């Protein structure tokens, strides 16, 4: 698209493009946007002219994207999101009336700890606001924050420490050793040797808290025996309940679990340091009033979590 065509381009066409991609239907896109089907058809014609590609082709009863449309989706989504951020910054932010969508990078543990409390608070204070949880490789989070693909990243993110991103402390977490009630290790002295002799479950290659713990144990020469590597942390407690295996587990998550009476959490008898969970944004969006509100909402939500425990 040349500069002259860009000047003539209507941003509302981006909404139509995304709606067709979501619904795979002109009728569905119209219903989502409050437009008639002829209006959507006309918008699709303009999109095809602007990009020089059919974009969506009818296959059976669905409008399927062409390869060009598939390539265009992510940058158009980000462009629309950035425009929303810019307008929000210029106009200020009123939580009670805002209809903004916030995109937050969260791990599995982050979703478990943060989202229930945050969404309850959002429902009370900002009923028009939507929250979208994203999974992004830790090495790509800075670029996602800079480019507007994500608004905030919440978690322990050491890779962001020496970047243009800025973090606000939300809570300090630590790892505990999770065992089942009646585990043989609980009948003896709880020591570094007892800890090192356990068989462990491991989780999430990208779980930075676990990765930090693995590095600390390796530096201490404690090559703890890993018997299973799991993709999601939520299965760990159930496996621990049924076996003599142990798991390193975030204390914040254990505090959120309603049913853990048959599990025992022990302080780790080696110096694995606590870690700071932060809300990260890129410095480009330092003055975004909406992100100020969201960060404050996260802090309040997590205070409620701590108080409720």
C-alpha atoms as a PDB file:
ATOM      1  CA  UNK A   1       0.000   0.000   0.000  1.00  0.00           C
ATOM      2  CA  UNK A   2       1.545   3.343  -1.078  1.00  0.00           C
ATOM      3  CA  UNK A   3       1.465   6.550   0.987  1.00  0.00           C
ATOM      4  CA  UNK A   4      -1.446   8.038  -0.969  1.00  0.00           C
ATOM      5  CA  UNK A   5      -3.494   4.883  -0.452  1.00  0.00           C
ATOM      6  CA  UNK A   6      -2.628   4.917   3.241  1.00  0.00           C
ATOM      7  CA  UNK A   7      -4.054   8.440   3.562  1.00  0.00           C
ATOM      8  CA  UNK A   8      -7.331   7.188   2.082  1.00  0.00           C
ATOM      9  CA  UNK A   9      -7.440   4.042   4.220  1.00  0.00           C
ATOM     10  CA  UNK A  10     -10.298   3.844   6.727  1.00  0.00           C
ATOM     11  CA  UNK A  11      -9.302   2.249  10.046  1.00  0.00           C
ATOM     12  CA  UNK A  12     -12.815   0.858  10.369  1.00  0.00           C
ATOM     13  CA  UNK A  13     -11.868  -1.519   7.568  1.00  0.00           C
ATOM     14  CA  UNK A  14      -9.380  -3.146   9.938  1.00  0.00           C
ATOM     15  CA  UNK A  15     -12.238  -3.987  12.309  1.00  0.00           C
ATOM     16  CA  UNK A  16     -14.135  -5.568   9.415  1.00  0.00           C
ATOM     17  CA  UNK A  17     -11.062  -7.567   8.377  1.00  0.00           C
ATOM     18  CA  UNK A  18     -10.587  -8.924  11.903  1.00  0.00           C
ATOM     19  CA  UNK A  19     -14.287  -9.668  12.358  1.00  0.00           C
ATOM     20  CA  UNK A  20     -14.428 -11.687   9.125  1.00  0.00           C
ATOM     21  CA  UNK A  21     -11.315 -13.556  10.218  1.00  0.00           C
ATOM     22  CA  UNK A  22     -12.867 -14.333  13.603  1.00  0.00           C
ATOM     23  CA  UNK A  23     -16.301 -15.409  12.382  1.00  0.00           C
ATOM     24  CA  UNK A  24     -15.347 -16.774   8.929  1.00  0.00           C
ATOM     25  CA  UNK A  25     -18.651 -15.266   7.828  1.00  0.00           C
ATOM     26  CA  UNK A  26     -19.829 -11.945   6.391  1.00  0.00           C
ATOM     27  CA  UNK A  27     -23.085 -12.286   8.309  1.00  0.00           C
ATOM     28  CA  UNK A  28     -21.240 -13.085  11.537  1.00  0.00           C
ATOM     29  CA  UNK A  29     -18.883 -10.144  11.039  1.00  0.00           C
ATOM     30  CA  UNK A  30     -21.852  -7.847  10.496  1.00  0.00           C
ATOM     31  CA  UNK A  31     -23.546  -9.074  13.666  1.00  0.00           C
ATOM     32  CA  UNK A  32     -20.352  -8.534  15.671  1.00  0.00           C
ATOM     33  CA  UNK A  33     -19.925  -4.984  14.355  1.00  0.00           C
ATOM     34  CA  UNK A  34     -23.568  -3.936  14.105  1.00  0.00           C
ATOM     35  CA  UNK A  35     -23.398  -3.697  10.298  1.00  0.00           C
ATOM     36  CA  UNK A  36     -25.594  -5.067   7.532  1.00  0.00           C
ATOM     37  CA  UNK A  37     -24.211  -7.802   5.291  1.00  0.00           C
ATOM     38  CA  UNK A  38     -24.113  -5.460   2.249  1.00  0.00           C
ATOM     39  CA  UNK A  39     -22.015  -3.024   4.303  1.00  0.00           C
ATOM     40  CA  UNK A  40     -19.578  -5.804   5.206  1.00  0.00           C
ATOM     41  CA  UNK A  41     -19.422  -6.934   1.565  1.00  0.00           C
ATOM     42  CA  UNK A  42     -18.638  -3.373   0.473  1.00  0.00           C
ATOM     43  CA  UNK A  43     -15.936  -3.087   3.149  1.00  0.00           C
ATOM     44  CA  UNK A  44     -14.392  -6.373   1.990  1.00  0.00           C
ATOM     45  CA  UNK A  45     -14.335  -5.033  -1.587  1.00  0.00           C
ATOM     46  CA  UNK A  46     -12.443  -1.954  -0.376  1.00  0.00           C
ATOM     47  CA  UNK A  47     -10.023  -4.125   1.597  1.00  0.00           C
ATOM     48  CA  UNK A  48      -9.332  -6.265  -1.466  1.00  0.00           C
ATOM     49  CA  UNK A  49      -8.638  -3.145  -3.528  1.00  0.00           C
ATOM     50  CA  UNK A  50      -6.373  -1.687  -0.837  1.00  0.00           C
ATOM     51  CA  UNK A  51      -4.258  -4.834  -0.431  1.00  0.00           C
ATOM     52  CA  UNK A  52      -4.457  -6.191  -3.969  1.00  0.00           C
ATOM     53  CA  UNK A  53      -5.542  -9.621  -2.737  1.00  0.00           C
ATOM     54  CA  UNK A  54      -8.878 -11.469  -2.344  1.00  0.00           C
ATOM     55  CA  UNK A  55      -8.081 -11.828   1.410  1.00  0.00           C
ATOM     56  CA  UNK A  56     -11.054 -14.163   2.091  1.00  0.00           C
ATOM     57  CA  UNK A  57     -12.441 -16.813  -0.254  1.00  0.00           C
ATOM     58  CA  UNK A  58     -15.646 -18.800   0.160  1.00  0.00           C
ATOM     59  CA  UNK A  59     -14.940 -22.475   0.868  1.00  0.00           C
ATOM     60  CA  UNK A  60     -18.137 -24.452   1.435  1.00  0.00           C
ATOM     61  CA  UNK A  61     -20.042 -22.189   3.849  1.00  0.00           C
ATOM     62  CA  UNK A  62     -17.040 -20.375   5.328  1.00  0.00           C
ATOM     63  CA  UNK A  63     -14.898 -17.399   4.347  1.00  0.00           C
ATOM     64  CA  UNK A  64     -11.355 -18.748   4.593  1.00  0.00           C
ATOM     65  CA  UNK A  65      -8.320 -16.402   4.701  1.00  0.00           C
ATOM     66  CA  UNK A  66      -5.783 -16.373   1.894  1.00  0.00           C
ATOM     67  CA  UNK A  67      -2.069 -16.637   2.786  1.00  0.00           C
ATOM     68  CA  UNK A  68      -1.845 -12.840   2.497  1.00  0.00           C
ATOM     69  CA  UNK A  69      -4.719 -12.379   4.961  1.00  0.00           C
ATOM     70  CA  UNK A  70      -3.064 -14.780   7.385  1.00  0.00           C
ATOM     71  CA  UNK A  71       0.155 -12.738   7.227  1.00  0.00           C
ATOM     72  CA  UNK A  72      -1.725  -9.466   7.654  1.00  0.00           C
ATOM     73  CA  UNK A  73      -3.750 -10.437  10.713  1.00  0.00           C
ATOM     74  CA  UNK A  74      -1.108 -10.009  13.435  1.00  0.00           C
ATOM     75  CA  UNK A  75       0.217  -6.604  12.270  1.00  0.00           C
ATOM     76  CA  UNK A  76      -3.315  -5.267  11.737  1.00  0.00           C
ATOM     77  CA  UNK A  77      -4.355  -6.457  15.204  1.00  0.00           C
ATOM     78  CA  UNK A  78      -1.345  -4.739  16.722  1.00  0.00           C
ATOM     79  CA  UNK A  79      -1.946  -1.544  14.721  1.00  0.00           C
ATOM     80  CA  UNK A  80      -5.537  -1.338  15.942  1.00  0.00           C
ATOM     81  CA  UNK A  81      -4.455  -2.048  19.499  1.00  0.00           C
ATOM     82  CA  UNK A  82      -1.756   0.647  19.343  1.00  0.00           C
ATOM     83  CA  UNK A  83      -4.294   3.138  18.035  1.00  0.00           C
ATOM     84  CA  UNK A  84      -6.515   2.312  20.985  1.00  0.00           C
ATOM     85  CA  UNK A  85      -3.587   2.822  23.356  1.00  0.00           C
ATOM     86  CA  UNK A  86      -2.757   6.169  21.762  1.00  0.00           C
ATOM     87  CA  UNK A  87      -6.334   7.400  22.008  1.00  0.00           C
ATOM     88  CA  UNK A  88      -6.534   6.186  25.589  1.00  0.00           C
ATOM     89  CA  UNK A  89      -3.370   8.069  26.523  1.00  0.00           C
ATOM     90  CA  UNK A  90      -4.553  11.254  24.827  1.00  0.00           C
ATOM     91  CA  UNK A  91      -8.040  11.173  26.331  1.00  0.00           C
ATOM     92  CA  UNK A  92      -7.123   9.918  29.796  1.00  0.00           C
ATOM     93  CA  UNK A  93      -8.708   6.844  31.338  1.00  0.00           C
ATOM     94  CA  UNK A  94     -12.028   6.521  33.127  1.00  0.00           C
ATOM     95  CA  UNK A  95     -12.322   2.987  34.466  1.00  0.00           C
ATOM     96  CA  UNK A  96     -16.067   3.241  34.991  1.00  0.00           C
ATOM     97  CA  UNK A  97     -16.796   4.004  31.317  1.00  0.00           C
ATOM     98  CA  UNK A  98     -13.820   2.528  29.447  1.00  0.00           C
ATOM     99  CA  UNK A  99     -14.309  -0.292  26.936  1.00  0.00           C
ATOM    100  CA  UNK A 100     -10.588  -0.875  26.480  1.00  0.00           C
ATOM    101  CA  UNK A 101      -9.132  -4.374  26.112  1.00  0.00           C
ATOM    102  CA  UNK A 102      -5.926  -4.982  28.082  1.00  0.00           C
ATOM    103  CA  UNK A 103      -3.553  -7.713  26.954  1.00  0.00           C
ATOM    104  CA  UNK A 104      -1.476  -9.213  29.756  1.00  0.00           C
ATOM    105  CA  UNK A 105       1.320 -11.764  29.393  1.00  0.00           C
ATOM    106  CA  UNK A 106       0.816 -14.391  32.104  1.00  0.00           C
ATOM    107  CA  UNK A 107       2.252 -17.818  32.828  1.00  0.00           C
ATOM    108  CA  UNK A 108       0.017 -20.677  33.970  1.00  0.00           C
ATOM    109  CA  UNK A 109       0.825 -19.842  37.594  1.00  0.00           C
ATOM    110  CA  UNK A 110       0.210 -16.165  36.894  1.00  0.00           C
ATOM    111  CA  UNK A 111      -3.239 -16.912  35.493  1.00  0.00           C
ATOM    112  CA  UNK A 112      -4.080 -19.041  38.529  1.00  0.00           C
ATOM    113  CA  UNK A 113      -2.998 -16.436  41.077  1.00  0.00           C
ATOM    114  CA  UNK A 114      -3.842 -13.180  39.301  1.00  0.00           C
ATOM    115  CA  UNK A 115      -6.872 -13.592  37.041  1.00  0.00           C
ATOM    116  CA  UNK A 116      -9.602 -14.644  39.521  1.00  0.00           C
ATOM    117  CA  UNK A 117      -8.931 -11.639  41.775  1.00  0.00           C
ATOM    118  CA  UNK A 118      -8.221  -9.193  38.953  1.00  0.00           C
ATOM    119  CA  UNK A 119     -11.350 -10.058  36.981  1.00  0.00           C
ATOM    120  CA  UNK A 120     -13.510  -9.740  40.102  1.00  0.00           C
ATOM    121  CA  UNK A 121     -12.057  -6.270  40.701  1.00  0.00           C
ATOM    122  CA  UNK A 122     -12.492  -5.284  37.037  1.00  0.00           C
ATOM    123  CA  UNK A 123     -16.141  -6.351  37.163  1.00  0.00           C
ATOM    124  CA  UNK A 124     -16.695  -3.988  40.108  1.00  0.00           C
ATOM    125  CA  UNK A 125     -14.632  -0.992  39.004  1.00  0.00           C
ATOM    126  CA  UNK A 126     -14.491  -1.196  35.199  1.00  0.00           C
ATOM    127  CA  UNK A 127     -17.376  -3.311  33.879  1.00  0.00           C
ATOM    128  CA  UNK A 128     -16.712  -2.344  30.252  1.00  0.00           C
ATOM    129  CA  UNK A 129     -13.038  -3.330  30.333  1.00  0.00           C
ATOM    130  CA  UNK A 130     -11.911  -6.660  28.862  1.00  0.00           C
ATOM    131  CA  UNK A 131      -8.765  -8.620  29.731  1.00  0.00           C
ATOM    132  CA  UNK A 132      -6.930 -10.967  27.377  1.00  0.00           C
ATOM    133  CA  UNK A 133      -4.269 -13.336  28.722  1.00  0.00           C
ATOM    134  CA  UNK A 134      -1.337 -14.027  26.395  1.00  0.00           C
ATOM    135  CA  UNK A 135       1.362 -16.705  26.341  1.00  0.00           C
ATOM    136  CA  UNK A 136       4.588 -15.309  24.868  1.00  0.00           C
ATOM    137  CA  UNK A 137       8.105 -16.761  24.952  1.00  0.00           C
ATOM    138  CA  UNK A 138      10.134 -14.887  27.619  1.00  0.00           C
ATOM    139  CA  UNK A 139      12.729 -13.890  25.026  1.00  0.00           C
ATOM    140  CA  UNK A 140      10.007 -12.173  22.964  1.00  0.00           C
ATOM    141  CA  UNK A 141       8.182 -10.281  25.721  1.00  0.00           C
ATOM    142  CA  UNK A 142      10.156  -7.034  25.407  1.00  0.00           C
ATOM    143  CA  UNK A 143       9.369  -6.824  21.683  1.00  0.00           C
ATOM    144  CA  UNK A 144       5.704  -7.610  22.374  1.00  0.00           C
ATOM    145  CA  UNK A 145       5.493  -4.789  24.935  1.00  0.00           C
ATOM    146  CA  UNK A 146       7.347  -2.355  22.692  1.00  0.00           C
ATOM    147  CA  UNK A 147       5.225  -3.140  19.648  1.00  0.00           C
ATOM    148  CA  UNK A 148       1.861  -3.072  21.408  1.00  0.00           C
ATOM    149  CA  UNK A 149       1.111  -6.763  21.052  1.00  0.00           C
ATOM    150  CA  UNK A 150       0.902  -6.834  24.856  1.00  0.00           C
ATOM    151  CA  UNK A 151       0.176  -4.066  27.376  1.00  0.00           C
ATOM    152  CA  UNK A 152       1.715  -5.595  30.483  1.00  0.00           C
ATOM    153  CA  UNK A 153       3.714  -8.661  31.414  1.00  0.00           C
ATOM    154  CA  UNK A 154       3.093  -9.925  34.938  1.00  0.00           C
ATOM    155  CA  UNK A 155       5.505 -12.305  36.599  1.00  0.00           C
ATOM    156  CA  UNK A 156       9.123 -12.921  37.496  1.00  0.00           C
ATOM    157  CA  UNK A 157      10.868 -11.720  34.344  1.00  0.00           C
ATOM    158  CA  UNK A 158      14.643 -11.333  34.842  1.00  0.00           C
ATOM    159  CA  UNK A 159      15.151 -10.928  31.079  1.00  0.00           C
ATOM    160  CA  UNK A 160      13.364  -7.560  31.280  1.00  0.00           C
ATOM    161  CA  UNK A 161      15.578  -6.123  34.021  1.00  0.00           C
ATOM    162  CA  UNK A 162      18.169  -4.477  31.747  1.00  0.00           C
ATOM    163  CA  UNK A 163      15.824  -3.327  28.997  1.00  0.00           C
ATOM    164  CA  UNK A 164      13.678  -0.294  28.222  1.00  0.00           C
ATOM    165  CA  UNK A 165      10.837  -1.976  30.128  1.00  0.00           C
ATOM    166  CA  UNK A 166       9.821  -0.741  33.570  1.00  0.00           C
ATOM    167  CA  UNK A 167       8.556  -2.969  36.377  1.00  0.00           C
ATOM    168  CA  UNK A 168       6.271  -2.249  39.326  1.00  0.00           C
ATOM    169  CA  UNK A 169       6.498  -4.631  42.293  1.00  0.00           C
ATOM    170  CA  UNK A 170       3.296  -6.579  42.944  1.00  0.00           C
ATOM    171  CA  UNK A 171       4.385  -9.248  45.427  1.00  0.00           C
ATOM    172  CA  UNK A 172       7.367 -11.266  46.597  1.00  0.00           C
ATOM    173  CA  UNK A 173       7.028 -14.996  46.065  1.00  0.00           C
ATOM    174  CA  UNK A 174       9.133 -18.003  47.022  1.00  0.00           C
ATOM    175  CA  UNK A 175       9.303 -21.686  46.212  1.00  0.00           C
ATOM    176  CA  UNK A 176       8.403 -24.293  48.820  1.00  0.00           C
ATOM    177  CA  UNK A 177       8.861 -28.059  48.676  1.00  0.00           C
ATOM    178  CA  UNK A 178       5.529 -29.820  48.287  1.00  0.00           C
ATOM    179  CA  UNK A 179       5.079 -33.346  49.704  1.00  0.00           C
ATOM    180  CA  UNK A 180       2.099 -35.540  50.482  1.00  0.00           C
ATOM    181  CA  UNK A 181       0.939 -36.081  54.052  1.00  0.00           C
ATOM    182  CA  UNK A 182       2.726 -39.129  55.434  1.00  0.00           C
ATOM    183  CA  UNK A 183       5.695 -38.865  53.076  1.00  0.00           C
ATOM    184  CA  UNK A 184       8.644 -40.891  54.470  1.00  0.00           C
ATOM    185  CA  UNK A 185      10.898 -37.813  54.373  1.00  0.00           C
ATOM    186  CA  UNK A 186       8.677 -36.122  56.975  1.00  0.00           C
ATOM    187  CA  UNK A 187       9.506 -38.825  59.533  1.00  0.00           C
ATOM    188  CA  UNK A 188      13.220 -37.945  59.479  1.00  0.00           C
ATOM    189  CA  UNK A 189      15.245 -34.777  59.954  1.00  0.00           C
ATOM    190  CA  UNK A 190      14.440 -32.268  57.217  1.00  0.00           C
ATOM    191  CA  UNK A 191      17.871 -31.353  55.902  1.00  0.00           C
ATOM    192  CA  UNK A 192      19.728 -30.535  52.720  1.00  0.00           C
ATOM    193  CA  UNK A 193      20.618 -34.212  52.378  1.00  0.00           C
ATOM    194  CA  UNK A 194      16.981 -35.278  52.811  1.00  0.00           C
ATOM    195  CA  UNK A 195      15.918 -32.702  50.216  1.00  0.00           C
ATOM    196  CA  UNK A 196      18.594 -33.797  47.743  1.00  0.00           C
ATOM    197  CA  UNK A 197      17.514 -37.424  48.118  1.00  0.00           C
ATOM    198  CA  UNK A 198      13.961 -36.791  46.933  1.00  0.00           C
ATOM    199  CA  UNK A 199      12.624 -37.554  43.470  1.00  0.00           C
ATOM    200  CA  UNK A 200      11.188 -34.417  41.861  1.00  0.00           C
ATOM    201  CA  UNK A 201       8.595 -33.349  39.355  1.00  0.00           C
ATOM    202  CA  UNK A 202       9.667 -30.508  37.078  1.00  0.00           C
ATOM    203  CA  UNK A 203       7.469 -28.140  35.132  1.00  0.00           C
ATOM    204  CA  UNK A 204       7.545 -25.619  32.329  1.00  0.00           C
ATOM    205  CA  UNK A 205      10.753 -24.969  30.450  1.00  0.00           C
ATOM    206  CA  UNK A 206       9.789 -21.293  30.370  1.00  0.00           C
ATOM    207  CA  UNK A 207       8.782 -21.017  34.047  1.00  0.00           C
ATOM    208  CA  UNK A 208      11.417 -18.530  35.157  1.00  0.00           C
ATOM    209  CA  UNK A 209      11.078 -19.179  38.893  1.00  0.00           C
ATOM    210  CA  UNK A 210      11.718 -22.869  38.359  1.00  0.00           C
ATOM    211  CA  UNK A 211      14.594 -22.136  36.015  1.00  0.00           C
ATOM    212  CA  UNK A 212      16.185 -19.910  38.651  1.00  0.00           C
ATOM    213  CA  UNK A 213      15.809 -22.695  41.239  1.00  0.00           C
ATOM    214  CA  UNK A 214      17.388 -25.241  38.901  1.00  0.00           C
ATOM    215  CA  UNK A 215      20.349 -22.910  38.379  1.00  0.00           C
ATOM    216  CA  UNK A 216      20.792 -22.397  42.142  1.00  0.00           C
ATOM    217  CA  UNK A 217      20.689 -26.131  42.843  1.00  0.00           C
ATOM    218  CA  UNK A 218      23.201 -26.797  40.064  1.00  0.00           C
ATOM    219  CA  UNK A 219      25.542 -24.121  41.463  1.00  0.00           C
ATOM    220  CA  UNK A 220      25.336 -25.845  44.860  1.00  0.00           C
ATOM    221  CA  UNK A 221      26.181 -29.185  43.276  1.00  0.00           C
ATOM    222  CA  UNK A 222      22.753 -30.608  44.123  1.00  0.00           C
ATOM    223  CA  UNK A 223      21.717 -32.557  41.063  1.00  0.00           C
ATOM    224  CA  UNK A 224      18.208 -33.377  42.279  1.00  0.00           C
ATOM    225  CA  UNK A 225      16.656 -36.333  40.482  1.00  0.00           C
ATOM    226  CA  UNK A 226      13.838 -35.377  38.131  1.00  0.00           C
ATOM    227  CA  UNK A 227      11.470 -38.261  37.377  1.00  0.00           C
ATOM    228  CA  UNK A 228       8.887 -36.389  35.281  1.00  0.00           C
ATOM    229  CA  UNK A 229       8.752 -33.143  33.339  1.00  0.00           C
ATOM    230  CA  UNK A 230       5.277 -31.669  33.026  1.00  0.00           C
ATOM    231  CA  UNK A 231       3.959 -28.907  30.796  1.00  0.00           C
ATOM    232  CA  UNK A 232       1.463 -27.366  33.251  1.00  0.00           C
ATOM    233  CA  UNK A 233       1.949 -26.706  36.938  1.00  0.00           C
ATOM    234  CA  UNK A 234      -1.691 -27.374  37.868  1.00  0.00           C
ATOM    235  CA  UNK A 235      -1.197 -31.153  37.658  1.00  0.00           C
ATOM    236  CA  UNK A 236       1.694 -31.106  40.164  1.00  0.00           C
ATOM    237  CA  UNK A 237      -0.376 -31.242  43.387  1.00  0.00           C
ATOM    238  CA  UNK A 238      -2.390 -34.233  42.153  1.00  0.00           C
ATOM    239  CA  UNK A 239       0.755 -36.184  41.239  1.00  0.00           C
ATOM    240  CA  UNK A 240       2.334 -35.307  44.599  1.00  0.00           C
ATOM    241  CA  UNK A 241      -0.812 -36.554  46.396  1.00  0.00           C
ATOM    242  CA  UNK A 242      -0.552 -39.970  44.746  1.00  0.00           C
ATOM    243  CA  UNK A 243       3.220 -40.575  44.877  1.00  0.00           C
ATOM    244  CA  UNK A 244       6.343 -40.088  46.975  1.00  0.00           C
ATOM    245  CA  UNK A 245       7.601 -37.497  44.490  1.00  0.00           C
ATOM    246  CA  UNK A 246       8.227 -33.902  45.540  1.00  0.00           C
ATOM    247  CA  UNK A 247       7.742 -30.619  43.703  1.00  0.00           C
ATOM    248  CA  UNK A 248       9.028 -27.105  44.083  1.00  0.00           C
ATOM    249  CA  UNK A 249       5.897 -24.974  44.167  1.00  0.00           C
ATOM    250  CA  UNK A 250       5.185 -21.220  44.385  1.00  0.00           C
ATOM    251  CA  UNK A 251       3.910 -20.292  47.834  1.00  0.00           C
ATOM    252  CA  UNK A 252       1.475 -17.795  46.285  1.00  0.00           C
ATOM    253  CA  UNK A 253      -0.186 -20.572  44.289  1.00  0.00           C
ATOM    254  CA  UNK A 254      -0.479 -22.857  47.304  1.00  0.00           C
ATOM    255  CA  UNK A 255      -2.159 -20.012  49.185  1.00  0.00           C
ATOM    256  CA  UNK A 256      -4.722 -19.694  46.386  1.00  0.00           C
ATOM    257  CA  UNK A 257      -5.606 -23.405  46.363  1.00  0.00           C
ATOM    258  CA  UNK A 258      -8.735 -24.293  48.309  1.00  0.00           C
ATOM    259  CA  UNK A 259      -7.982 -27.993  48.715  1.00  0.00           C
ATOM    260  CA  UNK A 260      -4.447 -28.718  49.857  1.00  0.00           C
ATOM    261  CA  UNK A 261      -5.026 -30.164  53.325  1.00  0.00           C
ATOM    262  CA  UNK A 262      -3.453 -33.483  52.326  1.00  0.00           C
ATOM    263  CA  UNK A 263      -0.280 -31.735  51.148  1.00  0.00           C
ATOM    264  CA  UNK A 264       2.609 -30.444  53.234  1.00  0.00           C
ATOM    265  CA  UNK A 265       4.740 -27.468  52.238  1.00  0.00           C
ATOM    266  CA  UNK A 266       8.261 -27.408  53.634  1.00  0.00           C
ATOM    267  CA  UNK A 267      10.774 -24.596  53.516  1.00  0.00           C
ATOM    268  CA  UNK A 268      13.486 -25.496  51.044  1.00  0.00           C
ATOM    269  CA  UNK A 269      16.617 -26.252  53.148  1.00  0.00           C
ATOM    270  CA  UNK A 270      18.935 -24.659  50.582  1.00  0.00           C
ATOM    271  CA  UNK A 271      19.250 -20.936  49.796  1.00  0.00           C
ATOM    272  CA  UNK A 272      16.839 -20.528  46.881  1.00  0.00           C
ATOM    273  CA  UNK A 273      16.094 -16.789  47.048  1.00  0.00           C
ATOM    274  CA  UNK A 274      12.613 -15.271  46.935  1.00  0.00           C
ATOM    275  CA  UNK A 275      11.737 -13.483  43.723  1.00  0.00           C
ATOM    276  CA  UNK A 276       9.791 -10.355  42.824  1.00  0.00           C
ATOM    277  CA  UNK A 277       6.625 -10.618  40.764  1.00  0.00           C
ATOM    278  CA  UNK A 278       6.250  -7.392  38.797  1.00  0.00           C
ATOM    279  CA  UNK A 279       3.937  -5.722  36.306  1.00  0.00           C
ATOM    280  CA  UNK A 280       6.110  -4.760  33.352  1.00  0.00           C
ATOM    281  CA  UNK A 281       5.371  -2.204  30.643  1.00  0.00           C
ATOM    282  CA  UNK A 282       7.577  -0.684  27.974  1.00  0.00           C
ATOM    283  CA  UNK A 283       8.970   2.770  28.698  1.00  0.00           C
ATOM    284  CA  UNK A 284       7.231   4.069  25.570  1.00  0.00           C
ATOM    285  CA  UNK A 285       3.952   3.719  27.476  1.00  0.00           C
ATOM    286  CA  UNK A 286       5.147   5.224  30.754  1.00  0.00           C
ATOM    287  CA  UNK A 287       2.406   7.897  30.652  1.00  0.00           C
ATOM    288  CA  UNK A 288      -0.470   5.605  29.660  1.00  0.00           C
ATOM    289  CA  UNK A 289      -3.203   6.346  32.204  1.00  0.00           C
ATOM    290  CA  UNK A 290      -4.958   3.074  31.432  1.00  0.00           C
ATOM    291  CA  UNK A 291      -1.849   1.077  32.285  1.00  0.00           C
ATOM    292  CA  UNK A 292      -1.468   3.121  35.471  1.00  0.00           C
ATOM    293  CA  UNK A 293      -4.972   2.063  36.457  1.00  0.00           C
ATOM    294  CA  UNK A 294      -4.391  -1.575  35.478  1.00  0.00           C
ATOM    295  CA  UNK A 295      -1.159  -1.763  37.470  1.00  0.00           C
ATOM    296  CA  UNK A 296      -2.928  -0.297  40.492  1.00  0.00           C
ATOM    297  CA  UNK A 297      -5.779  -2.753  40.011  1.00  0.00           C
ATOM    298  CA  UNK A 298      -3.303  -5.636  40.007  1.00  0.00           C
ATOM    299  CA  UNK A 299      -1.756  -4.423  43.252  1.00  0.00           C
ATOM    300  CA  UNK A 300      -5.156  -4.068  44.904  1.00  0.00           C
ATOM    301  CA  UNK A 301      -6.303  -7.458  43.630  1.00  0.00           C
ATOM    302  CA  UNK A 302      -3.213  -9.196  44.985  1.00  0.00           C
ATOM    303  CA  UNK A 303      -3.556  -7.418  48.326  1.00  0.00           C
ATOM    304  CA  UNK A 304      -7.094  -8.817  48.507  1.00  0.00           C
ATOM    305  CA  UNK A 305      -5.662 -12.271  47.745  1.00  0.00           C
ATOM    306  CA  UNK A 306      -3.164 -11.933  50.589  1.00  0.00           C
ATOM    307  CA  UNK A 307      -5.794 -10.645  53.022  1.00  0.00           C
ATOM    308  CA  UNK A 308      -8.244 -13.396  52.107  1.00  0.00           C
ATOM    309  CA  UNK A 309      -5.803 -16.210  52.786  1.00  0.00           C
END
